[in-house]
Amino acid sequence: MISKYYDIKKIRNKINYYLFYGENEGLKQEIIFSDFNTFTKENTYKFTEKEIIENKQNFFENIFSKSFFEEEKLIIISNVSDKIINITEEIIESSLKDVTIILIAKILEKKSKLRNFFEKEKNVLIVPFYEDTPQTLLSIAKKILFENKINLSSENINLIIERSQGDRINLKNELQKIISLSQNNKKLELKDILSLTNLSENYSAGELVDSCLSKNKKRTLNILNENIPSSEDNILILRTFLNKLKRLRKLRLNLNKNNNIDQVINSFKPPIFWKDKNIIKQQIKIWELNYIESFIEDLNNVESLIKKNPQISNQIINNMILDKVKDINIQI
C-alpha cells in the first residue's frame, strides 16, 4: 500500500511494516523521530541488510525474543534492497505482535521486487521520500532562524542553502553553527557565513569533491595534504560527494534523453550556477551512470566504516578519494 509521509500518523496504529525509499535521508529521520517517538532507545534496534543476511539466525532471535519489560520493539533496517525480500516476507507471514519494522532504502526502481511487494500488499506501507526543493529548504531555514530570533539577509540564507548541497541534514547542521555563533551577540556578516560553512581548514569540502570528480589528481592531492579534517569534516565530505553524485546522476539520465550536454546543464533544476557549469560538464564526460551508482553505494559503506572507526577516519576517506581519482576513460 502506497502513502505519503505526512499521512503516516493517521495509520500509524494500523500498520507494523514500512518501507521508506528515496533520496531524502533527512526527512526519513525526521519522520522516524516524530511519528515513532513512542519507542525508547532501549526498545529500538538497528541493523543493516548486510548484517541480517550474514547472520539471519541472530536477527530472528532478536525480533522474536521479548524481555519482561518490553512492550514494543522498533526494528530499523537500513540500506535494504531486493536481497532482503524473502526475509521480509517471512517476517510478515509470522504475524509478529508488538513489533514495528521500518526498512530504509535508497532509490528503488519500479521493477524492484521489494517495492512491488510493498505496493501491492494491504497490511504494509511504502512511502517515497523525494529530494527537497530549494523552496522547501528555504522554508526550513527561515523557520529555524525565526524560532531562534536570528535575522539574516536573503543573500546569506541562499548561501547557506547552496552550501548544504540540497540536503536538509547539512542545512540544519550549518544553521546550528549560525545559532551557536549568534549566541555571542555577534552580528553575522557574509565572511562569517563563508567561514562557518567551510571545512575547518583551508579548503571547502566542495572544492575537494569537485577536484576528485574531475579526476584532477594533482589538485586533489594538494587539498588532502593541506588539510587534517576531523571525523565530522569527513562525514561532511561524504555528504558533499553524495549530493554532487546525485546531481550528476540526474544530469546523466537527462543526457540519455537529450544528447546536447549544454542544454542539459542549462535546463537543469535547480539551476546550476554559471561558475560551476564547466566543471560539471567535465564531470559528466568522465562519469558514466553505472560508475556514479557504484560510487554512491561505496559512499554508504565508507560512512558506516568511518562511524565505526572514527580514529582512522582520515585514512579511510583518503583511501577512498585516492582510489576514485584514478584515471578512467572519458565516455563521451
C-alpha atoms as a PDB file:
ATOM      1  CA  MET A   1       0.000   0.000   0.000  1.00  0.00           C
ATOM      2  CA  ILE A   2       1.386   3.404  -1.024  1.00  0.00           C
ATOM      3  CA  SER A   3       1.148   6.502   1.161  1.00  0.00           C
ATOM      4  CA  LYS A   4       2.588   9.989   1.594  1.00  0.00           C
ATOM      5  CA  TYR A   5       4.912  10.659   4.525  1.00  0.00           C
ATOM      6  CA  TYR A   6       2.511  13.179   6.079  1.00  0.00           C
ATOM      7  CA  ASP A   7      -0.243  10.552   6.290  1.00  0.00           C
ATOM      8  CA  ILE A   8       1.762   8.088   8.386  1.00  0.00           C
ATOM      9  CA  LYS A   9       0.423   9.455  11.682  1.00  0.00           C
ATOM     10  CA  LYS A  10      -3.143   8.690  10.591  1.00  0.00           C
ATOM     11  CA  ILE A  11      -2.456   4.986  10.073  1.00  0.00           C
ATOM     12  CA  ARG A  12       0.437   4.509  12.467  1.00  0.00           C
ATOM     13  CA  ASN A  13      -1.547   2.210  14.776  1.00  0.00           C
ATOM     14  CA  LYS A  14      -2.838   0.063  11.914  1.00  0.00           C
ATOM     15  CA  ILE A  15       0.417  -0.810  10.153  1.00  0.00           C
ATOM     16  CA  ASN A  16       3.513  -2.540  11.531  1.00  0.00           C
ATOM     17  CA  TYR A  17       5.644  -2.873   8.402  1.00  0.00           C
ATOM     18  CA  TYR A  18       7.055   0.078   6.466  1.00  0.00           C
ATOM     19  CA  LEU A  19       9.368   0.651   3.526  1.00  0.00           C
ATOM     20  CA  PHE A  20      10.858   4.141   3.259  1.00  0.00           C
ATOM     21  CA  TYR A  21      12.703   4.708  -0.004  1.00  0.00           C
ATOM     22  CA  GLY A  22      14.182   7.648  -1.879  1.00  0.00           C
ATOM     23  CA  GLU A  23      16.973  10.181  -1.614  1.00  0.00           C
ATOM     24  CA  ASN A  24      15.732  12.379   1.229  1.00  0.00           C
ATOM     25  CA  GLU A  25      17.529  10.848   4.203  1.00  0.00           C
ATOM     26  CA  GLY A  26      16.910  13.882   6.379  1.00  0.00           C
ATOM     27  CA  LEU A  27      13.142  13.679   6.013  1.00  0.00           C
ATOM     28  CA  LYS A  28      13.202   9.935   6.735  1.00  0.00           C
ATOM     29  CA  GLN A  29      14.999  10.635  10.005  1.00  0.00           C
ATOM     30  CA  GLU A  30      12.519  13.369  10.922  1.00  0.00           C
ATOM     31  CA  ILE A  31       9.523  11.104  10.320  1.00  0.00           C
ATOM     32  CA  ILE A  32      11.003   8.282  12.379  1.00  0.00           C
ATOM     33  CA  PHE A  33      11.764  10.734  15.198  1.00  0.00           C
ATOM     34  CA  SER A  34       8.321  12.376  15.151  1.00  0.00           C
ATOM     35  CA  ASP A  35       5.930   9.561  14.211  1.00  0.00           C
ATOM     36  CA  PHE A  36       7.624   6.678  16.028  1.00  0.00           C
ATOM     37  CA  ASN A  37       8.638   8.530  19.186  1.00  0.00           C
ATOM     38  CA  THR A  38       6.717   6.168  21.447  1.00  0.00           C
ATOM     39  CA  PHE A  39       9.647   3.764  21.174  1.00  0.00           C
ATOM     40  CA  THR A  40      12.516   4.269  23.597  1.00  0.00           C
ATOM     41  CA  LYS A  41      16.190   3.887  22.739  1.00  0.00           C
ATOM     42  CA  GLU A  42      16.202   0.630  24.684  1.00  0.00           C
ATOM     43  CA  ASN A  43      13.379  -0.760  22.536  1.00  0.00           C
ATOM     44  CA  THR A  44      14.836   0.380  19.211  1.00  0.00           C
ATOM     45  CA  TYR A  45      17.148  -1.952  17.326  1.00  0.00           C
ATOM     46  CA  LYS A  46      19.100  -1.025  14.211  1.00  0.00           C
ATOM     47  CA  PHE A  47      20.504  -3.361  11.562  1.00  0.00           C
ATOM     48  CA  THR A  48      21.814  -3.176   8.037  1.00  0.00           C
ATOM     49  CA  GLU A  49      20.675  -5.537   5.332  1.00  0.00           C
ATOM     50  CA  LYS A  50      24.183  -6.959   5.144  1.00  0.00           C
ATOM     51  CA  GLU A  51      24.247  -7.772   8.874  1.00  0.00           C
ATOM     52  CA  ILE A  52      20.917  -9.588   8.627  1.00  0.00           C
ATOM     53  CA  ILE A  53      21.846 -11.634   5.569  1.00  0.00           C
ATOM     54  CA  GLU A  54      25.169 -12.634   7.106  1.00  0.00           C
ATOM     55  CA  ASN A  55      23.565 -13.677  10.398  1.00  0.00           C
ATOM     56  CA  LYS A  56      19.899 -14.364   9.794  1.00  0.00           C
ATOM     57  CA  GLN A  57      19.531 -16.565  12.875  1.00  0.00           C
ATOM     58  CA  ASN A  58      20.765 -13.870  15.239  1.00  0.00           C
ATOM     59  CA  PHE A  59      18.378 -11.357  13.666  1.00  0.00           C
ATOM     60  CA  PHE A  60      15.345 -13.631  14.066  1.00  0.00           C
ATOM     61  CA  GLU A  61      16.267 -14.405  17.651  1.00  0.00           C
ATOM     62  CA  ASN A  62      16.357 -10.673  18.325  1.00  0.00           C
ATOM     63  CA  ILE A  63      12.978  -9.807  16.839  1.00  0.00           C
ATOM     64  CA  PHE A  64      11.164 -12.843  18.221  1.00  0.00           C
ATOM     65  CA  SER A  65      12.578 -12.601  21.735  1.00  0.00           C
ATOM     66  CA  LYS A  66      10.908 -10.312  24.231  1.00  0.00           C
ATOM     67  CA  SER A  67      12.067  -9.285  27.664  1.00  0.00           C
ATOM     68  CA  PHE A  68       9.694  -8.946  30.585  1.00  0.00           C
ATOM     69  CA  PHE A  69       9.933  -5.142  30.482  1.00  0.00           C
ATOM     70  CA  GLU A  70       9.490  -4.704  26.747  1.00  0.00           C
ATOM     71  CA  GLU A  71       6.057  -3.791  25.469  1.00  0.00           C
ATOM     72  CA  GLU A  72       7.013  -2.973  21.889  1.00  0.00           C
ATOM     73  CA  LYS A  73      10.035  -3.116  19.614  1.00  0.00           C
ATOM     74  CA  LEU A  74      11.076  -0.913  16.745  1.00  0.00           C
ATOM     75  CA  ILE A  75      13.365  -2.577  14.217  1.00  0.00           C
ATOM     76  CA  ILE A  76      15.081  -0.272  11.697  1.00  0.00           C
ATOM     77  CA  ILE A  77      16.876  -1.930   8.795  1.00  0.00           C
ATOM     78  CA  SER A  78      18.969   0.350   6.591  1.00  0.00           C
ATOM     79  CA  ASN A  79      20.475   0.031   3.103  1.00  0.00           C
ATOM     80  CA  VAL A  80      17.913  -2.530   2.008  1.00  0.00           C
ATOM     81  CA  SER A  81      17.490  -3.919  -1.496  1.00  0.00           C
ATOM     82  CA  ASP A  82      15.752  -6.805  -3.222  1.00  0.00           C
ATOM     83  CA  LYS A  83      18.180  -9.144  -1.447  1.00  0.00           C
ATOM     84  CA  ILE A  84      16.045  -8.932   1.698  1.00  0.00           C
ATOM     85  CA  ILE A  85      12.685  -9.687   0.050  1.00  0.00           C
ATOM     86  CA  ASN A  86      12.481 -13.337   1.212  1.00  0.00           C
ATOM     87  CA  ILE A  87      13.371 -12.466   4.811  1.00  0.00           C
ATOM     88  CA  THR A  88      10.812  -9.637   4.745  1.00  0.00           C
ATOM     89  CA  GLU A  89       8.052 -11.948   3.527  1.00  0.00           C
ATOM     90  CA  GLU A  90       8.974 -14.487   6.187  1.00  0.00           C
ATOM     91  CA  ILE A  91       8.730 -11.872   8.938  1.00  0.00           C
ATOM     92  CA  ILE A  92       5.354 -10.575   7.747  1.00  0.00           C
ATOM     93  CA  GLU A  93       3.910 -14.083   7.413  1.00  0.00           C
ATOM     94  CA  SER A  94       4.895 -14.815  11.024  1.00  0.00           C
ATOM     95  CA  SER A  95       2.380 -12.163  12.229  1.00  0.00           C
ATOM     96  CA  LEU A  96       4.658 -10.702  14.871  1.00  0.00           C
ATOM     97  CA  LYS A  97       2.937  -8.793  17.647  1.00  0.00           C
ATOM     98  CA  ASP A  98       4.208  -5.593  19.238  1.00  0.00           C
ATOM     99  CA  VAL A  99       6.991  -5.272  16.666  1.00  0.00           C
ATOM    100  CA  THR A 100       7.237  -2.434  14.152  1.00  0.00           C
ATOM    101  CA  ILE A 101       9.727  -2.803  11.314  1.00  0.00           C
ATOM    102  CA  ILE A 102      10.969   0.015   9.080  1.00  0.00           C
ATOM    103  CA  LEU A 103      13.017  -0.838   6.013  1.00  0.00           C
ATOM    104  CA  ILE A 104      15.068   2.074   4.674  1.00  0.00           C
ATOM    105  CA  ALA A 105      16.241   2.072   1.057  1.00  0.00           C
ATOM    106  CA  LYS A 106      17.848   4.492  -1.335  1.00  0.00           C
ATOM    107  CA  ILE A 107      16.405   4.706  -4.843  1.00  0.00           C
ATOM    108  CA  LEU A 108      14.232   1.709  -5.798  1.00  0.00           C
ATOM    109  CA  GLU A 109      13.389   1.255  -9.456  1.00  0.00           C
ATOM    110  CA  LYS A 110       9.821   0.423 -10.495  1.00  0.00           C
ATOM    111  CA  LYS A 111      10.843  -3.146 -11.286  1.00  0.00           C
ATOM    112  CA  SER A 112      12.173  -3.682  -7.756  1.00  0.00           C
ATOM    113  CA  LYS A 113      10.652  -6.804  -6.175  1.00  0.00           C
ATOM    114  CA  LEU A 114      10.734  -5.248  -2.720  1.00  0.00           C
ATOM    115  CA  ARG A 115       8.988  -2.104  -3.924  1.00  0.00           C
ATOM    116  CA  ASN A 116       6.344  -4.084  -5.828  1.00  0.00           C
ATOM    117  CA  PHE A 117       5.665  -6.279  -2.806  1.00  0.00           C
ATOM    118  CA  PHE A 118       5.037  -3.305  -0.507  1.00  0.00           C
ATOM    119  CA  GLU A 119       2.925  -1.513  -3.111  1.00  0.00           C
ATOM    120  CA  LYS A 120       0.594  -4.494  -3.613  1.00  0.00           C
ATOM    121  CA  GLU A 121       0.207  -5.811  -0.067  1.00  0.00           C
ATOM    122  CA  LYS A 122      -2.532  -4.227   2.044  1.00  0.00           C
ATOM    123  CA  ASN A 123      -1.071  -4.772   5.501  1.00  0.00           C
ATOM    124  CA  VAL A 124       2.237  -2.994   4.752  1.00  0.00           C
ATOM    125  CA  LEU A 125       3.099   0.575   3.788  1.00  0.00           C
ATOM    126  CA  ILE A 126       5.560   2.018   1.283  1.00  0.00           C
ATOM    127  CA  VAL A 127       6.452   5.710   1.423  1.00  0.00           C
ATOM    128  CA  PRO A 128       8.558   7.586  -1.158  1.00  0.00           C
ATOM    129  CA  PHE A 129      10.856  10.351   0.088  1.00  0.00           C
ATOM    130  CA  TYR A 130      11.738  12.724  -2.719  1.00  0.00           C
ATOM    131  CA  GLU A 131      14.543  15.275  -2.632  1.00  0.00           C
ATOM    132  CA  ASP A 132      13.808  18.628  -1.042  1.00  0.00           C
ATOM    133  CA  THR A 133      13.220  21.501  -3.433  1.00  0.00           C
ATOM    134  CA  PRO A 134      15.059  24.812  -2.950  1.00  0.00           C
ATOM    135  CA  GLN A 135      11.729  26.265  -1.796  1.00  0.00           C
ATOM    136  CA  THR A 136      11.391  23.601   0.897  1.00  0.00           C
ATOM    137  CA  LEU A 137      14.929  24.204   2.134  1.00  0.00           C
ATOM    138  CA  LEU A 138      14.274  27.941   2.197  1.00  0.00           C
ATOM    139  CA  SER A 139      11.155  27.398   4.326  1.00  0.00           C
ATOM    140  CA  ILE A 140      13.104  25.167   6.734  1.00  0.00           C
ATOM    141  CA  ALA A 141      15.891  27.751   7.042  1.00  0.00           C
ATOM    142  CA  LYS A 142      13.514  30.667   7.626  1.00  0.00           C
ATOM    143  CA  LYS A 143      11.556  28.736  10.241  1.00  0.00           C
ATOM    144  CA  ILE A 144      14.673  27.769  12.220  1.00  0.00           C
ATOM    145  CA  LEU A 145      16.108  31.292  12.028  1.00  0.00           C
ATOM    146  CA  PHE A 146      12.779  32.833  13.096  1.00  0.00           C
ATOM    147  CA  GLU A 147      12.474  30.457  16.060  1.00  0.00           C
ATOM    148  CA  ASN A 148      15.954  31.467  17.192  1.00  0.00           C
ATOM    149  CA  LYS A 149      15.352  35.195  16.547  1.00  0.00           C
ATOM    150  CA  ILE A 150      18.184  35.455  14.030  1.00  0.00           C
ATOM    151  CA  ASN A 151      17.992  37.902  11.146  1.00  0.00           C
ATOM    152  CA  LEU A 152      19.985  37.083   8.029  1.00  0.00           C
ATOM    153  CA  SER A 153      19.899  38.671   4.612  1.00  0.00           C
ATOM    154  CA  SER A 154      18.447  36.751   1.681  1.00  0.00           C
ATOM    155  CA  GLU A 155      21.968  36.556   0.257  1.00  0.00           C
ATOM    156  CA  ASN A 156      23.289  34.858   3.372  1.00  0.00           C
ATOM    157  CA  ILE A 157      20.350  32.449   3.606  1.00  0.00           C
ATOM    158  CA  ASN A 158      20.771  31.456  -0.037  1.00  0.00           C
ATOM    159  CA  LEU A 159      24.480  30.924   0.522  1.00  0.00           C
ATOM    160  CA  ILE A 160      23.788  28.565   3.430  1.00  0.00           C
ATOM    161  CA  ILE A 161      21.270  26.644   1.326  1.00  0.00           C
ATOM    162  CA  GLU A 162      23.763  26.416  -1.545  1.00  0.00           C
ATOM    163  CA  ARG A 163      26.465  25.121   0.791  1.00  0.00           C
ATOM    164  CA  SER A 164      24.068  22.491   2.181  1.00  0.00           C
ATOM    165  CA  GLN A 165      24.041  20.811  -1.248  1.00  0.00           C
ATOM    166  CA  GLY A 166      20.269  20.247  -1.211  1.00  0.00           C
ATOM    167  CA  ASP A 167      20.366  18.154   1.969  1.00  0.00           C
ATOM    168  CA  ARG A 168      18.234  19.192   4.950  1.00  0.00           C
ATOM    169  CA  ILE A 169      20.620  17.420   7.330  1.00  0.00           C
ATOM    170  CA  ASN A 170      23.502  19.534   6.085  1.00  0.00           C
ATOM    171  CA  LEU A 171      21.279  22.622   6.204  1.00  0.00           C
ATOM    172  CA  LYS A 172      20.335  22.082   9.839  1.00  0.00           C
ATOM    173  CA  ASN A 173      23.955  21.411  10.765  1.00  0.00           C
ATOM    174  CA  GLU A 174      25.031  24.678   9.127  1.00  0.00           C
ATOM    175  CA  LEU A 175      22.209  26.599  10.797  1.00  0.00           C
ATOM    176  CA  GLN A 176      23.223  25.169  14.163  1.00  0.00           C
ATOM    177  CA  LYS A 177      26.680  26.724  13.645  1.00  0.00           C
ATOM    178  CA  ILE A 178      24.973  30.042  12.929  1.00  0.00           C
ATOM    179  CA  ILE A 179      22.840  29.736  16.057  1.00  0.00           C
ATOM    180  CA  SER A 180      25.872  28.943  18.224  1.00  0.00           C
ATOM    181  CA  LEU A 181      27.814  31.924  16.907  1.00  0.00           C
ATOM    182  CA  SER A 182      24.876  34.295  17.272  1.00  0.00           C
ATOM    183  CA  GLN A 183      24.605  33.477  20.984  1.00  0.00           C
ATOM    184  CA  ASN A 184      27.703  35.603  21.479  1.00  0.00           C
ATOM    185  CA  ASN A 185      25.630  38.607  20.376  1.00  0.00           C
ATOM    186  CA  LYS A 186      27.759  38.815  17.275  1.00  0.00           C
ATOM    187  CA  LYS A 187      26.300  40.409  14.182  1.00  0.00           C
ATOM    188  CA  LEU A 188      26.794  37.868  11.416  1.00  0.00           C
ATOM    189  CA  GLU A 189      28.304  39.028   8.150  1.00  0.00           C
ATOM    190  CA  LEU A 190      28.961  37.324   4.835  1.00  0.00           C
ATOM    191  CA  LYS A 191      32.546  36.468   5.793  1.00  0.00           C
ATOM    192  CA  ASP A 192      31.243  34.679   8.923  1.00  0.00           C
ATOM    193  CA  ILE A 193      28.869  32.573   6.843  1.00  0.00           C
ATOM    194  CA  LEU A 194      31.642  31.717   4.386  1.00  0.00           C
ATOM    195  CA  SER A 195      33.924  30.677   7.223  1.00  0.00           C
ATOM    196  CA  LEU A 196      31.317  28.675   9.124  1.00  0.00           C
ATOM    197  CA  THR A 197      30.110  26.724   6.129  1.00  0.00           C
ATOM    198  CA  ASN A 198      33.598  25.690   5.030  1.00  0.00           C
ATOM    199  CA  LEU A 199      35.766  22.879   6.287  1.00  0.00           C
ATOM    200  CA  SER A 200      37.718  23.792   9.395  1.00  0.00           C
ATOM    201  CA  GLU A 201      40.886  24.064   7.272  1.00  0.00           C
ATOM    202  CA  ASN A 202      41.792  25.936   4.085  1.00  0.00           C
ATOM    203  CA  TYR A 203      39.654  24.201   1.512  1.00  0.00           C
ATOM    204  CA  SER A 204      35.942  23.573   1.355  1.00  0.00           C
ATOM    205  CA  ALA A 205      34.522  20.086   1.013  1.00  0.00           C
ATOM    206  CA  GLY A 206      33.019  21.162  -2.304  1.00  0.00           C
ATOM    207  CA  GLU A 207      36.430  22.021  -3.770  1.00  0.00           C
ATOM    208  CA  LEU A 208      37.886  18.689  -2.691  1.00  0.00           C
ATOM    209  CA  VAL A 209      34.951  16.741  -4.097  1.00  0.00           C
ATOM    210  CA  ASP A 210      34.931  18.650  -7.385  1.00  0.00           C
ATOM    211  CA  SER A 211      38.647  18.018  -7.837  1.00  0.00           C
ATOM    212  CA  CYS A 212      38.189  14.318  -7.249  1.00  0.00           C
ATOM    213  CA  LEU A 213      35.162  14.003  -9.537  1.00  0.00           C
ATOM    214  CA  SER A 214      37.067  15.903 -12.232  1.00  0.00           C
ATOM    215  CA  LYS A 215      39.971  13.446 -11.908  1.00  0.00           C
ATOM    216  CA  ASN A 216      42.306  16.322 -11.075  1.00  0.00           C
ATOM    217  CA  LYS A 217      44.839  14.229  -9.187  1.00  0.00           C
ATOM    218  CA  LYS A 218      47.339  16.997  -8.513  1.00  0.00           C
ATOM    219  CA  ARG A 219      44.715  19.353  -7.066  1.00  0.00           C
ATOM    220  CA  THR A 220      43.106  16.567  -5.044  1.00  0.00           C
ATOM    221  CA  LEU A 221      46.446  15.548  -3.518  1.00  0.00           C
ATOM    222  CA  ASN A 222      47.276  19.153  -2.668  1.00  0.00           C
ATOM    223  CA  ILE A 223      43.999  19.570  -0.810  1.00  0.00           C
ATOM    224  CA  LEU A 224      44.437  16.290   1.072  1.00  0.00           C
ATOM    225  CA  ASN A 225      47.984  17.252   2.055  1.00  0.00           C
ATOM    226  CA  GLU A 226      46.942  20.735   3.240  1.00  0.00           C
ATOM    227  CA  ASN A 227      44.081  19.546   5.453  1.00  0.00           C
ATOM    228  CA  ILE A 228      43.773  17.480   8.609  1.00  0.00           C
ATOM    229  CA  PRO A 229      39.991  17.127   8.848  1.00  0.00           C
ATOM    230  CA  SER A 230      38.099  15.874  11.871  1.00  0.00           C
ATOM    231  CA  SER A 231      35.787  12.858  11.703  1.00  0.00           C
ATOM    232  CA  GLU A 232      32.876  15.330  11.461  1.00  0.00           C
ATOM    233  CA  ASP A 233      34.566  17.001   8.493  1.00  0.00           C
ATOM    234  CA  ASN A 234      34.933  13.614   6.843  1.00  0.00           C
ATOM    235  CA  ILE A 235      31.216  12.957   7.193  1.00  0.00           C
ATOM    236  CA  LEU A 236      30.639  16.376   5.580  1.00  0.00           C
ATOM    237  CA  ILE A 237      32.940  15.353   2.713  1.00  0.00           C
ATOM    238  CA  LEU A 238      30.922  12.165   2.214  1.00  0.00           C
ATOM    239  CA  ARG A 239      27.646  14.127   2.239  1.00  0.00           C
ATOM    240  CA  THR A 240      29.077  16.515  -0.338  1.00  0.00           C
ATOM    241  CA  PHE A 241      30.158  13.621  -2.524  1.00  0.00           C
ATOM    242  CA  LEU A 242      26.680  12.127  -2.219  1.00  0.00           C
ATOM    243  CA  ASN A 243      24.838  15.282  -3.199  1.00  0.00           C
ATOM    244  CA  LYS A 244      27.118  16.088  -6.129  1.00  0.00           C
ATOM    245  CA  LEU A 245      26.850  12.492  -7.360  1.00  0.00           C
ATOM    246  CA  LYS A 246      23.060  12.649  -7.108  1.00  0.00           C
ATOM    247  CA  ARG A 247      23.128  15.725  -9.324  1.00  0.00           C
ATOM    248  CA  LEU A 248      25.489  14.020 -11.763  1.00  0.00           C
ATOM    249  CA  ARG A 249      23.161  11.026 -11.840  1.00  0.00           C
ATOM    250  CA  LYS A 250      20.188  13.191 -12.777  1.00  0.00           C
ATOM    251  CA  LEU A 251      22.232  15.001 -15.415  1.00  0.00           C
ATOM    252  CA  ARG A 252      23.347  11.685 -16.866  1.00  0.00           C
ATOM    253  CA  LEU A 253      19.756  10.439 -17.044  1.00  0.00           C
ATOM    254  CA  ASN A 254      18.708  13.661 -18.756  1.00  0.00           C
ATOM    255  CA  LEU A 255      21.597  13.276 -21.176  1.00  0.00           C
ATOM    256  CA  ASN A 256      20.168   9.928 -22.255  1.00  0.00           C
ATOM    257  CA  LYS A 257      17.066  11.800 -23.417  1.00  0.00           C
ATOM    258  CA  ASN A 258      18.801  14.859 -24.835  1.00  0.00           C
ATOM    259  CA  ASN A 259      22.298  14.358 -26.193  1.00  0.00           C
ATOM    260  CA  ASN A 260      23.119  18.073 -26.049  1.00  0.00           C
ATOM    261  CA  ILE A 261      25.201  18.398 -22.896  1.00  0.00           C
ATOM    262  CA  ASP A 262      24.966  22.214 -22.769  1.00  0.00           C
ATOM    263  CA  GLN A 263      21.168  22.138 -22.992  1.00  0.00           C
ATOM    264  CA  VAL A 264      21.008  19.502 -20.277  1.00  0.00           C
ATOM    265  CA  ILE A 265      23.118  21.632 -17.924  1.00  0.00           C
ATOM    266  CA  ASN A 266      21.339  24.905 -18.729  1.00  0.00           C
ATOM    267  CA  SER A 267      17.863  23.426 -18.234  1.00  0.00           C
ATOM    268  CA  PHE A 268      18.676  21.591 -15.007  1.00  0.00           C
ATOM    269  CA  LYS A 269      16.556  22.353 -11.924  1.00  0.00           C
ATOM    270  CA  PRO A 270      17.529  23.765  -9.510  1.00  0.00           C
ATOM    271  CA  PRO A 271      19.677  25.939 -11.785  1.00  0.00           C
ATOM    272  CA  ILE A 272      23.421  25.316 -11.840  1.00  0.00           C
ATOM    273  CA  PHE A 273      25.478  28.406 -11.079  1.00  0.00           C
ATOM    274  CA  TRP A 274      27.400  29.703 -14.078  1.00  0.00           C
ATOM    275  CA  LYS A 275      30.762  29.311 -12.335  1.00  0.00           C
ATOM    276  CA  ASP A 276      30.097  25.583 -11.812  1.00  0.00           C
ATOM    277  CA  LYS A 277      28.948  24.726 -15.331  1.00  0.00           C
ATOM    278  CA  ASN A 278      32.340  23.994 -16.885  1.00  0.00           C
ATOM    279  CA  ILE A 279      33.493  21.699 -14.109  1.00  0.00           C
ATOM    280  CA  ILE A 280      30.157  19.863 -14.095  1.00  0.00           C
ATOM    281  CA  LYS A 281      30.375  19.466 -17.858  1.00  0.00           C
ATOM    282  CA  GLN A 282      33.781  17.869 -17.381  1.00  0.00           C
ATOM    283  CA  GLN A 283      32.458  15.547 -14.672  1.00  0.00           C
ATOM    284  CA  ILE A 284      29.543  14.412 -16.833  1.00  0.00           C
ATOM    285  CA  LYS A 285      32.010  13.427 -19.541  1.00  0.00           C
ATOM    286  CA  ILE A 286      34.038  11.384 -17.078  1.00  0.00           C
ATOM    287  CA  TRP A 287      31.337   9.585 -15.106  1.00  0.00           C
ATOM    288  CA  GLU A 288      29.015   7.074 -16.739  1.00  0.00           C
ATOM    289  CA  LEU A 289      25.763   6.228 -14.946  1.00  0.00           C
ATOM    290  CA  ASN A 290      26.934   2.827 -13.720  1.00  0.00           C
ATOM    291  CA  TYR A 291      30.108   4.355 -12.210  1.00  0.00           C
ATOM    292  CA  ILE A 292      28.028   7.005 -10.441  1.00  0.00           C
ATOM    293  CA  GLU A 293      25.651   4.466  -8.915  1.00  0.00           C
ATOM    294  CA  SER A 294      28.563   2.276  -7.835  1.00  0.00           C
ATOM    295  CA  PHE A 295      30.238   5.302  -6.219  1.00  0.00           C
ATOM    296  CA  ILE A 296      27.040   6.156  -4.310  1.00  0.00           C
ATOM    297  CA  GLU A 297      26.873   2.611  -2.970  1.00  0.00           C
ATOM    298  CA  ASP A 298      30.537   2.813  -1.918  1.00  0.00           C
ATOM    299  CA  LEU A 299      29.833   6.050  -0.017  1.00  0.00           C
ATOM    300  CA  ASN A 300      27.272   4.309   2.182  1.00  0.00           C
ATOM    301  CA  ASN A 301      29.804   1.622   3.087  1.00  0.00           C
ATOM    302  CA  VAL A 302      32.545   4.172   3.773  1.00  0.00           C
ATOM    303  CA  GLU A 303      30.264   6.254   6.020  1.00  0.00           C
ATOM    304  CA  SER A 304      29.395   3.182   8.058  1.00  0.00           C
ATOM    305  CA  LEU A 305      33.089   2.317   8.340  1.00  0.00           C
ATOM    306  CA  ILE A 306      34.007   5.839   9.488  1.00  0.00           C
ATOM    307  CA  LYS A 307      31.307   5.871  12.148  1.00  0.00           C
ATOM    308  CA  LYS A 308      32.600   2.555  13.500  1.00  0.00           C
ATOM    309  CA  ASN A 309      36.248   3.627  13.316  1.00  0.00           C
ATOM    310  CA  PRO A 310      36.379   7.428  13.834  1.00  0.00           C
ATOM    311  CA  GLN A 311      40.018   7.250  14.971  1.00  0.00           C
ATOM    312  CA  ILE A 312      41.133   6.273  11.455  1.00  0.00           C
ATOM    313  CA  SER A 313      38.516   8.252   9.532  1.00  0.00           C
ATOM    314  CA  ASN A 314      41.170  10.286   7.685  1.00  0.00           C
ATOM    315  CA  GLN A 315      42.863   7.160   6.411  1.00  0.00           C
ATOM    316  CA  ILE A 316      39.524   5.698   5.305  1.00  0.00           C
ATOM    317  CA  ILE A 317      38.378   8.828   3.460  1.00  0.00           C
ATOM    318  CA  ASN A 318      41.799   9.404   1.872  1.00  0.00           C
ATOM    319  CA  ASN A 319      41.952   5.834   0.586  1.00  0.00           C
ATOM    320  CA  MET A 320      38.512   6.201  -0.973  1.00  0.00           C
ATOM    321  CA  ILE A 321      39.337   9.525  -2.629  1.00  0.00           C
ATOM    322  CA  LEU A 322      42.689   8.323  -3.962  1.00  0.00           C
ATOM    323  CA  ASP A 323      41.021   5.247  -5.399  1.00  0.00           C
ATOM    324  CA  LYS A 324      38.293   7.295  -7.114  1.00  0.00           C
ATOM    325  CA  VAL A 325      40.647   9.912  -8.541  1.00  0.00           C
ATOM    326  CA  LYS A 326      42.463   7.312 -10.636  1.00  0.00           C
ATOM    327  CA  ASP A 327      42.205   7.808 -14.394  1.00  0.00           C
ATOM    328  CA  ILE A 328      39.297   6.219 -16.245  1.00  0.00           C
ATOM    329  CA  ASN A 329      38.385   6.578 -19.857  1.00  0.00           C
ATOM    330  CA  ILE A 330      36.244   9.588 -20.747  1.00  0.00           C
ATOM    331  CA  GLN A 331      32.972   8.222 -22.074  1.00  0.00           C
ATOM    332  CA  ILE A 332      31.680  10.999 -24.355  1.00  0.00           C
END
